[in-house]
Amino acid sequence: PPSTEPLQLPKPTDHVFPGNHIKMFNALMGR
């Protein structure tokens, strides 16, 4: 199971979309 490290919520200076999901987006459109 995932580690039990304390989870942190986004801070005001964090990016709203920090990740890049282009491959997943293209795969779902192809599906």
PDB file of all heavy atoms in Angstrom:
ATOM      1  N   PRO A   1       0.833  -1.204   0.000  1.00  0.00           N
ATOM      2  CA  PRO A   1       0.000   0.000   0.000  1.00  0.00           C
ATOM      3  C   PRO A   1       0.864   1.249   0.000  1.00  0.00           C
ATOM      4  O   PRO A   1       2.059   1.197   0.321  1.00  0.00           O
ATOM      5  CB  PRO A   1      -0.816  -0.136   1.289  1.00  0.00           C
ATOM      6  CG  PRO A   1      -0.025  -1.048   2.153  1.00  0.00           C
ATOM      7  CD  PRO A   1       0.665  -2.019   1.235  1.00  0.00           C
ATOM      8  N   PRO A   2       0.320   2.370  -0.368  1.00  0.00           N
ATOM      9  CA  PRO A   2       1.105   3.607  -0.383  1.00  0.00           C
ATOM     10  C   PRO A   2       1.703   3.906   0.984  1.00  0.00           C
ATOM     11  O   PRO A   2       1.197   3.489   2.023  1.00  0.00           O
ATOM     12  CB  PRO A   2       0.092   4.677  -0.797  1.00  0.00           C
ATOM     13  CG  PRO A   2      -1.012   3.928  -1.446  1.00  0.00           C
ATOM     14  CD  PRO A   2      -1.064   2.590  -0.801  1.00  0.00           C
ATOM     15  N   SER A   3       2.784   4.641   0.951  1.00  0.00           N
ATOM     16  CA  SER A   3       3.466   4.986   2.197  1.00  0.00           C
ATOM     17  C   SER A   3       2.588   5.888   3.053  1.00  0.00           C
ATOM     18  O   SER A   3       1.714   6.600   2.554  1.00  0.00           O
ATOM     19  CB  SER A   3       4.786   5.691   1.888  1.00  0.00           C
ATOM     20  OG  SER A   3       4.539   6.882   1.171  1.00  0.00           O
ATOM     21  N   THR A   4       2.848   5.852   4.332  1.00  0.00           N
ATOM     22  CA  THR A   4       2.038   6.622   5.288  1.00  0.00           C
ATOM     23  C   THR A   4       2.642   7.988   5.576  1.00  0.00           C
ATOM     24  O   THR A   4       2.439   8.546   6.651  1.00  0.00           O
ATOM     25  CB  THR A   4       1.924   5.827   6.597  1.00  0.00           C
ATOM     26  OG1 THR A   4       3.253   5.553   7.083  1.00  0.00           O
ATOM     27  CG2 THR A   4       1.165   4.529   6.365  1.00  0.00           C
ATOM     28  N   GLU A   5       3.370   8.525   4.607  1.00  0.00           N
ATOM     29  CA  GLU A   5       3.939   9.858   4.794  1.00  0.00           C
ATOM     30  C   GLU A   5       2.808  10.893   4.842  1.00  0.00           C
ATOM     31  O   GLU A   5       1.785  10.730   4.191  1.00  0.00           O
ATOM     32  CB  GLU A   5       4.895  10.186   3.647  1.00  0.00           C
ATOM     33  CG  GLU A   5       6.077   9.226   3.556  1.00  0.00           C
ATOM     34  CD  GLU A   5       6.965   9.562   2.379  1.00  0.00           C
ATOM     35  OE1 GLU A   5       6.661  10.562   1.688  1.00  0.00           O
ATOM     36  OE2 GLU A   5       7.939   8.840   2.150  1.00  0.00           O
ATOM     37  N   PRO A   6       2.969  11.953   5.643  1.00  0.00           N
ATOM     38  CA  PRO A   6       1.909  12.965   5.730  1.00  0.00           C
ATOM     39  C   PRO A   6       1.692  13.643   4.387  1.00  0.00           C
ATOM     40  O   PRO A   6       2.638  14.079   3.727  1.00  0.00           O
ATOM     41  CB  PRO A   6       2.437  13.950   6.782  1.00  0.00           C
ATOM     42  CG  PRO A   6       3.920  13.719   6.803  1.00  0.00           C
ATOM     43  CD  PRO A   6       4.129  12.270   6.485  1.00  0.00           C
ATOM     44  N   LEU A   7       0.440  13.704   3.955  1.00  0.00           N
ATOM     45  CA  LEU A   7       0.112  14.298   2.667  1.00  0.00           C
ATOM     46  C   LEU A   7       0.036  15.810   2.791  1.00  0.00           C
ATOM     47  O   LEU A   7      -0.409  16.349   3.808  1.00  0.00           O
ATOM     48  CB  LEU A   7      -1.220  13.739   2.174  1.00  0.00           C
ATOM     49  CG  LEU A   7      -1.270  12.219   1.975  1.00  0.00           C
ATOM     50  CD1 LEU A   7      -2.657  11.788   1.533  1.00  0.00           C
ATOM     51  CD2 LEU A   7      -0.233  11.767   0.970  1.00  0.00           C
ATOM     52  N   GLN A   8       0.475  16.493   1.758  1.00  0.00           N
ATOM     53  CA  GLN A   8       0.491  17.955   1.741  1.00  0.00           C
ATOM     54  C   GLN A   8      -0.459  18.461   0.662  1.00  0.00           C
ATOM     55  O   GLN A   8      -0.447  17.988  -0.473  1.00  0.00           O
ATOM     56  CB  GLN A   8       1.907  18.476   1.452  1.00  0.00           C
ATOM     57  CG  GLN A   8       2.920  18.107   2.531  1.00  0.00           C
ATOM     58  CD  GLN A   8       4.290  18.671   2.210  1.00  0.00           C
ATOM     59  OE1 GLN A   8       4.478  19.326   1.190  1.00  0.00           O
ATOM     60  NE2 GLN A   8       5.243  18.432   3.085  1.00  0.00           N
ATOM     61  N   LEU A   9      -1.267  19.428   1.042  1.00  0.00           N
ATOM     62  CA  LEU A   9      -2.161  20.062   0.084  1.00  0.00           C
ATOM     63  C   LEU A   9      -1.391  21.106  -0.722  1.00  0.00           C
ATOM     64  O   LEU A   9      -0.346  21.605  -0.281  1.00  0.00           O
ATOM     65  CB  LEU A   9      -3.346  20.713   0.806  1.00  0.00           C
ATOM     66  CG  LEU A   9      -4.296  19.753   1.512  1.00  0.00           C
ATOM     67  CD1 LEU A   9      -5.370  20.544   2.248  1.00  0.00           C
ATOM     68  CD2 LEU A   9      -4.924  18.776   0.529  1.00  0.00           C
ATOM     69  N   PRO A  10      -1.877  21.463  -1.913  1.00  0.00           N
ATOM     70  CA  PRO A  10      -1.166  22.456  -2.732  1.00  0.00           C
ATOM     71  C   PRO A  10      -1.065  23.801  -2.023  1.00  0.00           C
ATOM     72  O   PRO A  10      -1.992  24.252  -1.347  1.00  0.00           O
ATOM     73  CB  PRO A  10      -2.029  22.556  -3.997  1.00  0.00           C
ATOM     74  CG  PRO A  10      -2.801  21.287  -4.042  1.00  0.00           C
ATOM     75  CD  PRO A  10      -3.046  20.907  -2.609  1.00  0.00           C
ATOM     76  N   LYS A  11       0.072  24.459  -2.204  1.00  0.00           N
ATOM     77  CA  LYS A  11       0.304  25.787  -1.662  1.00  0.00           C
ATOM     78  C   LYS A  11      -0.099  26.842  -2.701  1.00  0.00           C
ATOM     79  O   LYS A  11      -0.237  26.541  -3.892  1.00  0.00           O
ATOM     80  CB  LYS A  11       1.767  25.944  -1.280  1.00  0.00           C
ATOM     81  CG  LYS A  11       2.239  24.965  -0.212  1.00  0.00           C
ATOM     82  CD  LYS A  11       3.716  25.161   0.081  1.00  0.00           C
ATOM     83  CE  LYS A  11       4.208  24.170   1.122  1.00  0.00           C
ATOM     84  NZ  LYS A  11       5.658  24.319   1.392  1.00  0.00           N
ATOM     85  N   PRO A  12      -0.275  28.085  -2.276  1.00  0.00           N
ATOM     86  CA  PRO A  12      -0.655  29.133  -3.250  1.00  0.00           C
ATOM     87  C   PRO A  12       0.354  29.308  -4.372  1.00  0.00           C
ATOM     88  O   PRO A  12      -0.024  29.701  -5.482  1.00  0.00           O
ATOM     89  CB  PRO A  12      -0.771  30.398  -2.388  1.00  0.00           C
ATOM     90  CG  PRO A  12      -1.073  29.881  -1.021  1.00  0.00           C
ATOM     91  CD  PRO A  12      -0.338  28.578  -0.890  1.00  0.00           C
ATOM     92  N   THR A  13       1.624  29.012  -4.112  1.00  0.00           N
ATOM     93  CA  THR A  13       2.637  29.193  -5.143  1.00  0.00           C
ATOM     94  C   THR A  13       2.830  27.949  -6.008  1.00  0.00           C
ATOM     95  O   THR A  13       3.651  27.970  -6.934  1.00  0.00           O
ATOM     96  CB  THR A  13       3.977  29.554  -4.486  1.00  0.00           C
ATOM     97  OG1 THR A  13       4.318  28.547  -3.521  1.00  0.00           O
ATOM     98  CG2 THR A  13       3.888  30.905  -3.805  1.00  0.00           C
ATOM     99  N   ASP A  14       2.099  26.875  -5.726  1.00  0.00           N
ATOM    100  CA  ASP A  14       2.209  25.659  -6.534  1.00  0.00           C
ATOM    101  C   ASP A  14       1.398  25.814  -7.811  1.00  0.00           C
ATOM    102  O   ASP A  14       0.409  26.544  -7.873  1.00  0.00           O
ATOM    103  CB  ASP A  14       1.711  24.439  -5.753  1.00  0.00           C
ATOM    104  CG  ASP A  14       2.630  24.100  -4.598  1.00  0.00           C
ATOM    105  OD1 ASP A  14       3.817  24.490  -4.646  1.00  0.00           O
ATOM    106  OD2 ASP A  14       2.171  23.444  -3.642  1.00  0.00           O
ATOM    107  N   HIS A  15       1.817  25.075  -8.827  1.00  0.00           N
ATOM    108  CA  HIS A  15       1.097  25.084 -10.088  1.00  0.00           C
ATOM    109  C   HIS A  15      -0.202  24.286  -9.949  1.00  0.00           C
ATOM    110  O   HIS A  15      -0.253  23.280  -9.244  1.00  0.00           O
ATOM    111  CB  HIS A  15       1.958  24.492 -11.206  1.00  0.00           C
ATOM    112  CG  HIS A  15       3.063  25.399 -11.648  1.00  0.00           C
ATOM    113  ND1 HIS A  15       4.314  25.405 -11.061  1.00  0.00           N
ATOM    114  CD2 HIS A  15       3.100  26.346 -12.620  1.00  0.00           C
ATOM    115  CE1 HIS A  15       5.083  26.306 -11.652  1.00  0.00           C
ATOM    116  NE2 HIS A  15       4.373  26.896 -12.601  1.00  0.00           N
ATOM    117  N   VAL A  16      -1.223  24.750 -10.648  1.00  0.00           N
ATOM    118  CA  VAL A  16      -2.508  24.056 -10.603  1.00  0.00           C
ATOM    119  C   VAL A  16      -2.404  22.697 -11.275  1.00  0.00           C
ATOM    120  O   VAL A  16      -2.961  21.702 -10.800  1.00  0.00           O
ATOM    121  CB  VAL A  16      -3.603  24.915 -11.274  1.00  0.00           C
ATOM    122  CG1 VAL A  16      -4.935  24.178 -11.288  1.00  0.00           C
ATOM    123  CG2 VAL A  16      -3.741  26.250 -10.564  1.00  0.00           C
ATOM    124  N   PHE A  17      -1.653  22.641 -12.385  1.00  0.00           N
ATOM    125  CA  PHE A  17      -1.444  21.383 -13.108  1.00  0.00           C
ATOM    126  C   PHE A  17       0.052  21.125 -13.212  1.00  0.00           C
ATOM    127  O   PHE A  17       0.687  21.469 -14.223  1.00  0.00           O
ATOM    128  CB  PHE A  17      -2.081  21.453 -14.498  1.00  0.00           C
ATOM    129  CG  PHE A  17      -3.555  21.711 -14.481  1.00  0.00           C
ATOM    130  CD1 PHE A  17      -4.053  22.971 -14.769  1.00  0.00           C
ATOM    131  CD2 PHE A  17      -4.450  20.706 -14.161  1.00  0.00           C
ATOM    132  CE1 PHE A  17      -5.412  23.219 -14.748  1.00  0.00           C
ATOM    133  CE2 PHE A  17      -5.819  20.946 -14.132  1.00  0.00           C
ATOM    134  CZ  PHE A  17      -6.298  22.205 -14.422  1.00  0.00           C
ATOM    135  N   PRO A  18       0.641  20.522 -12.179  1.00  0.00           N
ATOM    136  CA  PRO A  18       2.093  20.324 -12.193  1.00  0.00           C
ATOM    137  C   PRO A  18       2.551  19.214 -13.119  1.00  0.00           C
ATOM    138  O   PRO A  18       3.709  19.187 -13.533  1.00  0.00           O
ATOM    139  CB  PRO A  18       2.403  19.974 -10.731  1.00  0.00           C
ATOM    140  CG  PRO A  18       1.138  19.371 -10.220  1.00  0.00           C
ATOM    141  CD  PRO A  18       0.023  20.072 -10.930  1.00  0.00           C
ATOM    142  N   GLY A  19       1.688  18.280 -13.446  1.00  0.00           N
ATOM    143  CA  GLY A  19       2.095  17.148 -14.260  1.00  0.00           C
ATOM    144  C   GLY A  19       1.811  17.359 -15.738  1.00  0.00           C
ATOM    145  O   GLY A  19       1.169  18.315 -16.160  1.00  0.00           O
ATOM    146  N   ASN A  20       2.322  16.430 -16.534  1.00  0.00           N
ATOM    147  CA  ASN A  20       2.088  16.431 -17.975  1.00  0.00           C
ATOM    148  C   ASN A  20       1.379  15.129 -18.330  1.00  0.00           C
ATOM    149  O   ASN A  20       1.938  14.046 -18.186  1.00  0.00           O
ATOM    150  CB  ASN A  20       3.423  16.539 -18.730  1.00  0.00           C
ATOM    151  CG  ASN A  20       3.232  16.722 -20.213  1.00  0.00           C
ATOM    152  OD1 ASN A  20       2.124  16.617 -20.726  1.00  0.00           O
ATOM    153  ND2 ASN A  20       4.312  17.000 -20.923  1.00  0.00           N
ATOM    154  N   HIS A  21       0.151  15.231 -18.802  1.00  0.00           N
ATOM    155  CA  HIS A  21      -0.670  14.042 -19.047  1.00  0.00           C
ATOM    156  C   HIS A  21      -1.014  13.902 -20.529  1.00  0.00           C
ATOM    157  O   HIS A  21      -2.097  13.437 -20.873  1.00  0.00           O
ATOM    158  CB  HIS A  21      -1.962  14.121 -18.223  1.00  0.00           C
ATOM    159  CG  HIS A  21      -1.737  14.557 -16.809  1.00  0.00           C
ATOM    160  ND1 HIS A  21      -1.040  13.801 -15.895  1.00  0.00           N
ATOM    161  CD2 HIS A  21      -2.096  15.683 -16.141  1.00  0.00           C
ATOM    162  CE1 HIS A  21      -0.998  14.426 -14.729  1.00  0.00           C
ATOM    163  NE2 HIS A  21      -1.630  15.578 -14.866  1.00  0.00           N
ATOM    164  N   ILE A  22      -0.095  14.296 -21.406  1.00  0.00           N
ATOM    165  CA  ILE A  22      -0.395  14.278 -22.837  1.00  0.00           C
ATOM    166  C   ILE A  22      -0.578  12.848 -23.332  1.00  0.00           C
ATOM    167  O   ILE A  22      -1.500  12.560 -24.102  1.00  0.00           O
ATOM    168  CB  ILE A  22       0.730  14.996 -23.612  1.00  0.00           C
ATOM    169  CG1 ILE A  22       0.765  16.484 -23.234  1.00  0.00           C
ATOM    170  CG2 ILE A  22       0.529  14.834 -25.116  1.00  0.00           C
ATOM    171  CD1 ILE A  22       1.854  17.258 -23.922  1.00  0.00           C
ATOM    172  N   LYS A  23       0.295  11.934 -22.905  1.00  0.00           N
ATOM    173  CA  LYS A  23       0.196  10.553 -23.379  1.00  0.00           C
ATOM    174  C   LYS A  23      -1.126   9.917 -22.941  1.00  0.00           C
ATOM    175  O   LYS A  23      -1.790   9.237 -23.726  1.00  0.00           O
ATOM    176  CB  LYS A  23       1.381   9.736 -22.857  1.00  0.00           C
ATOM    177  CG  LYS A  23       2.716  10.132 -23.475  1.00  0.00           C
ATOM    178  CD  LYS A  23       3.837   9.228 -22.978  1.00  0.00           C
ATOM    179  CE  LYS A  23       5.172   9.590 -23.627  1.00  0.00           C
ATOM    180  NZ  LYS A  23       6.275   8.716 -23.138  1.00  0.00           N
ATOM    181  N   MET A  24      -1.515  10.142 -21.699  1.00  0.00           N
ATOM    182  CA  MET A  24      -2.771   9.584 -21.219  1.00  0.00           C
ATOM    183  C   MET A  24      -3.951  10.223 -21.945  1.00  0.00           C
ATOM    184  O   MET A  24      -4.922   9.535 -22.307  1.00  0.00           O
ATOM    185  CB  MET A  24      -2.895   9.810 -19.705  1.00  0.00           C
ATOM    186  CG  MET A  24      -4.118   9.153 -19.073  1.00  0.00           C
ATOM    187  SD  MET A  24      -4.284   9.561 -17.316  1.00  0.00           S
ATOM    188  CE  MET A  24      -2.755   8.892 -16.659  1.00  0.00           C
ATOM    189  N   PHE A  25      -3.876  11.516 -22.198  1.00  0.00           N
ATOM    190  CA  PHE A  25      -4.950  12.212 -22.897  1.00  0.00           C
ATOM    191  C   PHE A  25      -5.112  11.674 -24.317  1.00  0.00           C
ATOM    192  O   PHE A  25      -6.236  11.404 -24.777  1.00  0.00           O
ATOM    193  CB  PHE A  25      -4.651  13.717 -22.911  1.00  0.00           C
ATOM    194  CG  PHE A  25      -5.715  14.553 -23.555  1.00  0.00           C
ATOM    195  CD1 PHE A  25      -7.008  14.577 -23.050  1.00  0.00           C
ATOM    196  CD2 PHE A  25      -5.438  15.320 -24.673  1.00  0.00           C
ATOM    197  CE1 PHE A  25      -7.996  15.349 -23.645  1.00  0.00           C
ATOM    198  CE2 PHE A  25      -6.418  16.095 -25.263  1.00  0.00           C
ATOM    199  CZ  PHE A  25      -7.688  16.102 -24.747  1.00  0.00           C
ATOM    200  N   ASN A  26      -4.007  11.489 -25.031  1.00  0.00           N
ATOM    201  CA  ASN A  26      -4.075  10.960 -26.389  1.00  0.00           C
ATOM    202  C   ASN A  26      -4.569   9.514 -26.389  1.00  0.00           C
ATOM    203  O   ASN A  26      -5.315   9.109 -27.295  1.00  0.00           O
ATOM    204  CB  ASN A  26      -2.707  11.041 -27.059  1.00  0.00           C
ATOM    205  CG  ASN A  26      -2.300  12.473 -27.377  1.00  0.00           C
ATOM    206  OD1 ASN A  26      -3.147  13.329 -27.602  1.00  0.00           O
ATOM    207  ND2 ASN A  26      -1.010  12.729 -27.390  1.00  0.00           N
ATOM    208  N   ALA A  27      -4.157   8.739 -25.385  1.00  0.00           N
ATOM    209  CA  ALA A  27      -4.604   7.344 -25.323  1.00  0.00           C
ATOM    210  C   ALA A  27      -6.110   7.262 -25.094  1.00  0.00           C
ATOM    211  O   ALA A  27      -6.801   6.433 -25.713  1.00  0.00           O
ATOM    212  CB  ALA A  27      -3.855   6.608 -24.219  1.00  0.00           C
ATOM    213  N   LEU A  28      -6.645   8.107 -24.231  1.00  0.00           N
ATOM    214  CA  LEU A  28      -8.082   8.085 -23.975  1.00  0.00           C
ATOM    215  C   LEU A  28      -8.873   8.587 -25.190  1.00  0.00           C
ATOM    216  O   LEU A  28      -9.965   8.069 -25.476  1.00  0.00           O
ATOM    217  CB  LEU A  28      -8.412   8.937 -22.750  1.00  0.00           C
ATOM    218  CG  LEU A  28      -7.890   8.396 -21.409  1.00  0.00           C
ATOM    219  CD1 LEU A  28      -8.239   9.350 -20.282  1.00  0.00           C
ATOM    220  CD2 LEU A  28      -8.458   7.019 -21.136  1.00  0.00           C
ATOM    221  N   MET A  29      -8.340   9.568 -25.913  1.00  0.00           N
ATOM    222  CA  MET A  29      -9.025  10.010 -27.124  1.00  0.00           C
ATOM    223  C   MET A  29      -9.007   8.912 -28.182  1.00  0.00           C
ATOM    224  O   MET A  29      -9.985   8.731 -28.920  1.00  0.00           O
ATOM    225  CB  MET A  29      -8.376  11.282 -27.669  1.00  0.00           C
ATOM    226  CG  MET A  29      -8.738  12.539 -26.903  1.00  0.00           C
ATOM    227  SD  MET A  29      -8.368  14.050 -27.831  1.00  0.00           S
ATOM    228  CE  MET A  29      -6.595  13.898 -28.019  1.00  0.00           C
ATOM    229  N   GLY A  30      -7.887   8.178 -28.261  1.00  0.00           N
ATOM    230  CA  GLY A  30      -7.852   7.065 -29.196  1.00  0.00           C
ATOM    231  C   GLY A  30      -8.810   5.951 -28.816  1.00  0.00           C
ATOM    232  O   GLY A  30      -9.417   5.312 -29.685  1.00  0.00           O
ATOM    233  N   ARG A  31      -8.968   5.732 -27.509  1.00  0.00           N
ATOM    234  CA  ARG A  31      -9.895   4.701 -27.053  1.00  0.00           C
ATOM    235  C   ARG A  31     -11.336   5.063 -27.416  1.00  0.00           C
ATOM    236  O   ARG A  31     -12.135   4.192 -27.773  1.00  0.00           O
ATOM    237  CB  ARG A  31      -9.761   4.517 -25.542  1.00  0.00           C
ATOM    238  CG  ARG A  31     -10.628   3.425 -24.964  1.00  0.00           C
ATOM    239  CD  ARG A  31     -10.530   3.404 -23.444  1.00  0.00           C
ATOM    240  NE  ARG A  31      -9.147   3.266 -22.986  1.00  0.00           N
ATOM    241  CZ  ARG A  31      -8.797   3.292 -21.699  1.00  0.00           C
ATOM    242  NH1 ARG A  31      -9.727   3.464 -20.761  1.00  0.00           N
ATOM    243  NH2 ARG A  31      -7.530   3.179 -21.361  1.00  0.00           N
TER     244      ARG A  31
END
